[in-house]
Protein backbone atom coordinates (compact mmCIF):
# COMPACT_ATOMS: atom_id res chain seq x y z
CA MET A 1 0.00 0.00 0.00
CA ILE A 2 1.22 3.51 -0.80
CA GLY A 3 2.09 5.38 2.37
CA GLY A 4 0.30 8.54 3.45
CA MET A 5 -3.18 7.48 2.33
CA HIS A 6 -6.21 7.75 4.57
CA PHE A 7 -7.87 4.64 3.14
CA ASP A 8 -5.14 2.09 3.83
CA GLU A 9 -4.87 -1.16 5.78
CA HIS A 10 -5.28 0.81 9.03
CA TYR A 11 -8.50 2.54 7.97
CA ARG A 12 -11.40 1.69 10.27
CA GLU A 13 -14.50 3.81 10.72
CA GLN A 14 -17.74 3.41 12.63
CA VAL A 15 -20.83 4.70 10.82
CA ARG A 16 -24.28 5.18 12.33
CA LEU A 17 -27.16 4.28 10.00
CA ARG A 18 -30.63 5.82 9.84
CA ASP A 19 -32.14 3.14 12.06
CA GLY A 20 -29.63 3.91 14.83
CA SER A 21 -27.52 0.81 14.27
CA THR A 22 -23.81 1.04 13.51
CA VAL A 23 -21.49 -0.61 11.02
CA VAL A 24 -17.73 -0.65 10.73
CA LEU A 25 -16.04 0.25 7.44
CA ARG A 26 -12.57 -1.04 6.52
CA LEU A 27 -10.66 -2.28 3.51
CA VAL A 28 -11.34 -5.83 2.36
CA ARG A 29 -8.59 -8.37 3.16
CA PRO A 30 -7.71 -11.81 1.76
CA ASP A 31 -9.05 -13.40 4.96
CA ASP A 32 -12.55 -12.07 4.17
CA LYS A 33 -13.31 -14.93 1.78
CA ALA A 34 -15.72 -16.70 4.13
CA ARG A 35 -17.47 -13.41 4.98
CA LEU A 36 -17.87 -12.63 1.28
CA ARG A 37 -19.40 -16.03 0.55
CA ALA A 38 -21.73 -15.70 3.54
CA GLY A 39 -22.85 -12.27 2.37
CA PHE A 40 -23.51 -13.55 -1.13
CA GLU A 41 -25.70 -16.33 0.27
CA ARG A 42 -27.85 -13.69 2.00
CA LEU A 43 -28.54 -11.71 -1.18
CA SER A 44 -32.02 -12.18 -2.61
CA PRO A 45 -32.35 -13.80 -6.05
CA ASP A 46 -33.50 -10.44 -7.42
CA THR A 47 -30.46 -8.63 -6.06
CA ARG A 48 -28.14 -11.33 -7.41
CA TYR A 49 -29.78 -11.14 -10.82
CA LEU A 50 -29.44 -7.36 -10.99
CA ARG A 51 -25.88 -7.45 -9.71
CA PHE A 52 -24.63 -10.12 -12.11
CA HIS A 53 -27.10 -9.55 -14.98
CA GLY A 54 -28.20 -13.16 -14.86
CA VAL A 55 -28.87 -16.10 -12.59
CA LYS A 56 -26.02 -16.53 -10.12
CA THR A 57 -26.26 -19.22 -7.47
CA ALA A 58 -22.67 -19.32 -6.21
CA LEU A 59 -19.31 -17.61 -6.44
CA THR A 60 -16.41 -19.57 -7.86
CA ASP A 61 -13.11 -19.83 -6.00
CA ALA A 62 -11.52 -17.64 -8.68
CA GLU A 63 -14.19 -14.96 -8.24
CA VAL A 64 -13.75 -14.96 -4.47
CA ARG A 65 -9.99 -14.61 -4.83
CA TYR A 66 -10.42 -11.74 -7.26
CA LEU A 67 -12.87 -9.95 -4.96
CA THR A 68 -10.75 -10.28 -1.81
CA GLU A 69 -7.11 -10.38 -2.93
CA VAL A 70 -6.91 -6.77 -4.12
CA ASP A 71 -3.82 -4.58 -4.45
CA GLY A 72 -5.30 -1.62 -2.58
CA VAL A 73 -4.23 0.85 -5.27
CA HIS A 74 -5.73 0.00 -8.66
CA HIS A 75 -8.33 -2.31 -7.13
CA VAL A 76 -9.79 -1.12 -3.83
CA ALA A 77 -12.67 -2.65 -1.87
CA ILE A 78 -14.27 -1.17 1.25
CA GLY A 79 -16.29 -3.58 3.35
CA ALA A 80 -19.08 -2.80 5.83
CA ALA A 81 -19.74 -5.10 8.78
CA ARG A 82 -21.83 -5.29 11.89
CA LEU A 83 -20.07 -6.48 15.04
CA GLY A 84 -21.51 -9.35 17.03
CA PRO A 85 -21.36 -9.64 20.85
CA ASP A 86 -18.09 -11.53 20.52
CA GLY A 87 -16.62 -8.91 18.17
CA GLU A 88 -17.04 -11.14 15.11
CA GLU A 89 -17.71 -9.21 11.92
CA ASP A 90 -20.88 -9.88 9.94
CA GLY A 91 -20.43 -8.50 6.42
CA VAL A 92 -23.38 -6.42 5.22
CA GLY A 93 -22.04 -4.41 2.29
CA ILE A 94 -19.07 -3.78 0.03
CA ALA A 95 -17.92 -1.06 -2.38
CA ARG A 96 -15.11 -1.34 -4.88
CA PHE A 97 -13.48 0.29 -7.85
CA VAL A 98 -11.12 -1.20 -10.42
CA GLU A 99 -8.97 1.09 -12.52
CA LEU A 100 -9.19 0.27 -16.21
CA ASP A 101 -6.06 -1.03 -17.93
CA GLY A 102 -4.68 1.46 -20.38
CA ASP A 103 -6.99 4.25 -19.24
CA ARG A 104 -5.29 6.04 -16.38
CA GLY A 105 -7.61 7.78 -13.95
CA VAL A 106 -10.76 5.93 -15.09
CA ALA A 107 -12.33 3.09 -13.10
CA GLU A 108 -15.35 0.85 -12.98
CA ALA A 109 -17.09 0.74 -9.62
CA ALA A 110 -19.80 -1.20 -7.84
CA ILE A 111 -21.47 -1.33 -4.43
CA THR A 112 -23.46 -4.18 -2.91
CA VAL A 113 -25.68 -3.81 0.16
CA LEU A 114 -27.57 -6.73 1.70
CA ASP A 115 -31.30 -6.50 1.13
CA GLU A 116 -32.14 -6.01 4.81
CA LEU A 117 -29.76 -3.02 5.03
CA GLN A 118 -31.03 -1.20 1.96
CA GLY A 119 -32.76 2.11 2.59
CA LYS A 120 -30.79 2.80 5.79
CA GLY A 121 -28.07 5.02 4.34
CA LEU A 122 -25.34 2.41 3.97
CA GLY A 123 -25.24 2.67 0.17
CA ALA A 124 -24.80 6.44 0.36
CA ALA A 125 -22.05 6.10 2.99
CA LEU A 126 -20.17 3.59 0.86
CA PHE A 127 -20.57 5.85 -2.18
CA VAL A 128 -19.00 8.80 -0.35
CA ARG A 129 -16.07 6.80 0.97
CA LEU A 130 -15.49 5.03 -2.36
CA CYS A 131 -15.25 8.37 -4.16
CA ALA A 132 -12.78 9.69 -1.59
CA ALA A 133 -10.63 6.54 -1.72
CA ALA A 134 -10.61 6.65 -5.51
CA ALA A 135 -9.66 10.33 -5.60
CA GLU A 136 -6.63 9.88 -3.35
CA ARG A 137 -5.37 7.21 -5.76
CA GLY A 138 -5.65 9.47 -8.77
CA ILE A 139 -9.01 8.26 -10.10
CA GLU A 140 -10.90 11.11 -11.74
CA ARG A 141 -13.84 9.38 -13.41
CA PHE A 142 -16.11 6.39 -13.05
CA ARG A 143 -17.32 4.82 -16.29
CA CYS A 144 -20.76 3.39 -17.02
CA GLU A 145 -22.62 2.07 -20.04
CA VAL A 146 -26.25 2.71 -20.89
CA LEU A 147 -27.77 -0.08 -22.96
CA GLY A 148 -29.88 0.71 -25.99
CA SER A 149 -30.59 3.87 -27.92
CA ASN A 150 -32.14 6.74 -25.99
CA THR A 151 -32.78 9.95 -27.91
CA GLY A 152 -33.38 11.88 -24.69
CA MET A 153 -30.17 10.75 -22.98
CA GLN A 154 -27.96 13.59 -24.20
CA GLU A 155 -30.39 16.18 -22.84
CA LEU A 156 -30.66 14.28 -19.56
CA LEU A 157 -26.89 14.21 -19.17
CA ARG A 158 -26.73 17.93 -19.89
CA ARG A 159 -29.31 18.61 -17.17
CA LEU A 160 -27.33 16.46 -14.74
CA GLY A 161 -24.32 18.67 -15.29
CA LEU A 162 -22.25 15.95 -16.91
CA THR A 163 -19.25 17.54 -18.62
CA THR A 164 -17.13 14.49 -19.36
CA SER A 165 -17.15 12.33 -22.48
CA VAL A 166 -20.06 10.44 -24.01
CA ARG A 167 -19.57 7.91 -26.81
CA VAL A 168 -22.13 5.82 -28.68
CA GLU A 169 -21.21 2.60 -30.45
CA ALA A 170 -23.28 -0.42 -31.47
CA GLY A 171 -26.29 0.77 -29.48
CA VAL A 172 -24.32 1.25 -26.24
CA MET A 173 -23.65 4.68 -24.76
CA THR A 174 -20.43 4.83 -22.75
CA ILE A 175 -20.35 7.67 -20.23
CA ASP A 176 -17.44 8.92 -18.15
CA LEU A 177 -18.68 10.55 -14.96
CA GLN A 178 -16.52 12.99 -13.03
CA LEU A 179 -15.98 12.08 -9.39
CA PRO A 180 -17.39 14.66 -6.99
CA GLY A 181 -14.90 16.44 -4.78
CA VAL A 182 -15.31 14.74 -1.41
CA ALA A 183 -12.66 14.63 1.31
CA ALA A 184 -11.86 11.61 3.45
CA ASP A 185 -13.81 13.17 6.34
CA HIS A 186 -16.85 14.21 4.28
CA ALA A 187 -20.04 13.44 6.21
CA VAL A 188 -21.27 10.02 5.11
CA ASP A 189 -24.90 11.08 5.42
CA GLU A 190 -24.39 14.00 3.03
CA PRO A 191 -23.65 12.54 -0.41
CA PRO A 192 -22.82 15.19 -3.04
CA ARG A 193 -26.25 15.29 -4.60
CA GLU A 194 -25.32 18.16 -6.90
CA SER A 195 -22.84 16.06 -8.83
CA GLY A 196 -23.73 14.51 -12.19
CA LEU A 197 -22.34 11.18 -10.95
CA TYR A 198 -24.58 11.02 -7.90
CA ALA A 199 -27.64 12.06 -9.88
CA MET A 200 -26.91 9.40 -12.51
CA LEU A 201 -26.56 6.73 -9.85
CA ARG A 202 -29.83 7.78 -8.21
CA LEU A 203 -31.71 7.40 -11.50
CA ALA A 204 -30.20 3.99 -12.10
CA ALA A 205 -30.97 2.87 -8.57
CA GLN A 206 -34.59 3.89 -9.10
CA ARG A 207 -34.55 1.97 -12.42
CA VAL A 208 -35.21 5.09 -14.48
CA LEU A 209 -32.11 4.09 -16.43
CA ARG A 210 -30.91 0.65 -17.39
CA LEU A 211 -27.14 0.47 -17.01
CA GLY A 212 -24.78 -2.06 -18.48
CA ASP A 213 -21.89 -4.11 -17.19
CA ALA A 214 -19.46 -1.35 -16.29
CA VAL A 215 -19.91 0.88 -13.25
CA ALA A 216 -23.22 0.92 -11.41
CA ARG A 217 -24.79 -2.53 -11.61
CA PHE A 218 -27.56 -1.44 -9.35
CA VAL A 219 -30.04 -3.08 -7.06
CA HIS A 220 -33.05 -1.14 -5.85
CA ALA A 221 -32.73 1.75 -3.43
CA ASP A 222 -35.20 3.58 -1.27
CA GLU A 223 -35.54 7.36 -1.44
CA GLY A 224 -32.46 9.02 -0.05
CA ASP A 225 -30.24 5.98 -0.47
CA THR A 226 -27.97 4.97 -3.33
CA THR A 227 -27.42 1.24 -3.53
CA LEU A 228 -25.08 -0.31 -6.06
CA PRO A 229 -24.46 -4.04 -6.09
């Protein structure tokens, strides 16, 4: 891990959710494999389908290794857990970004929140911290793909304040979304709603938009919460 970063192997933060409960945020480690599998088993079939764009009944060993054995620089994952009476961590959410090869400063990102925790502010908290962790590693944009042709999309993006690039090829619109300027200590319950990125994610979470297999493979979110699987 590069020294001097806030979101490193020592990062640990307690976050209070809307229902008064608390979760602990920290970077994902290789020894989280069992927690990741347990969390996957608790996802509803609908959430799994939306997250993986198809039926997914289990994670392979290779997928689990990829999701937990991250380098902490180009691939960063922030896990959320509730602590049991014995101090054991119960994984309830995860956010990650992966920098794209050959495209410095651009990354795909995703967030998963267990169904029973959705609508409590955890998705928004993970969004804020993921943006801050990405920014301190030199990431400037998250990339997403909108499937299908949409004649009103360009106007929508203009209204959202999106100023980065938009490309259309073979019926797929690829959009680079500028990361909002959030510091490591930005309040987790105050996501930057004015940013084009946040607005885009809100629309996708509410299923106004159908997004493809890049950033933002969303599950549903209640009002005031952004939940990305």
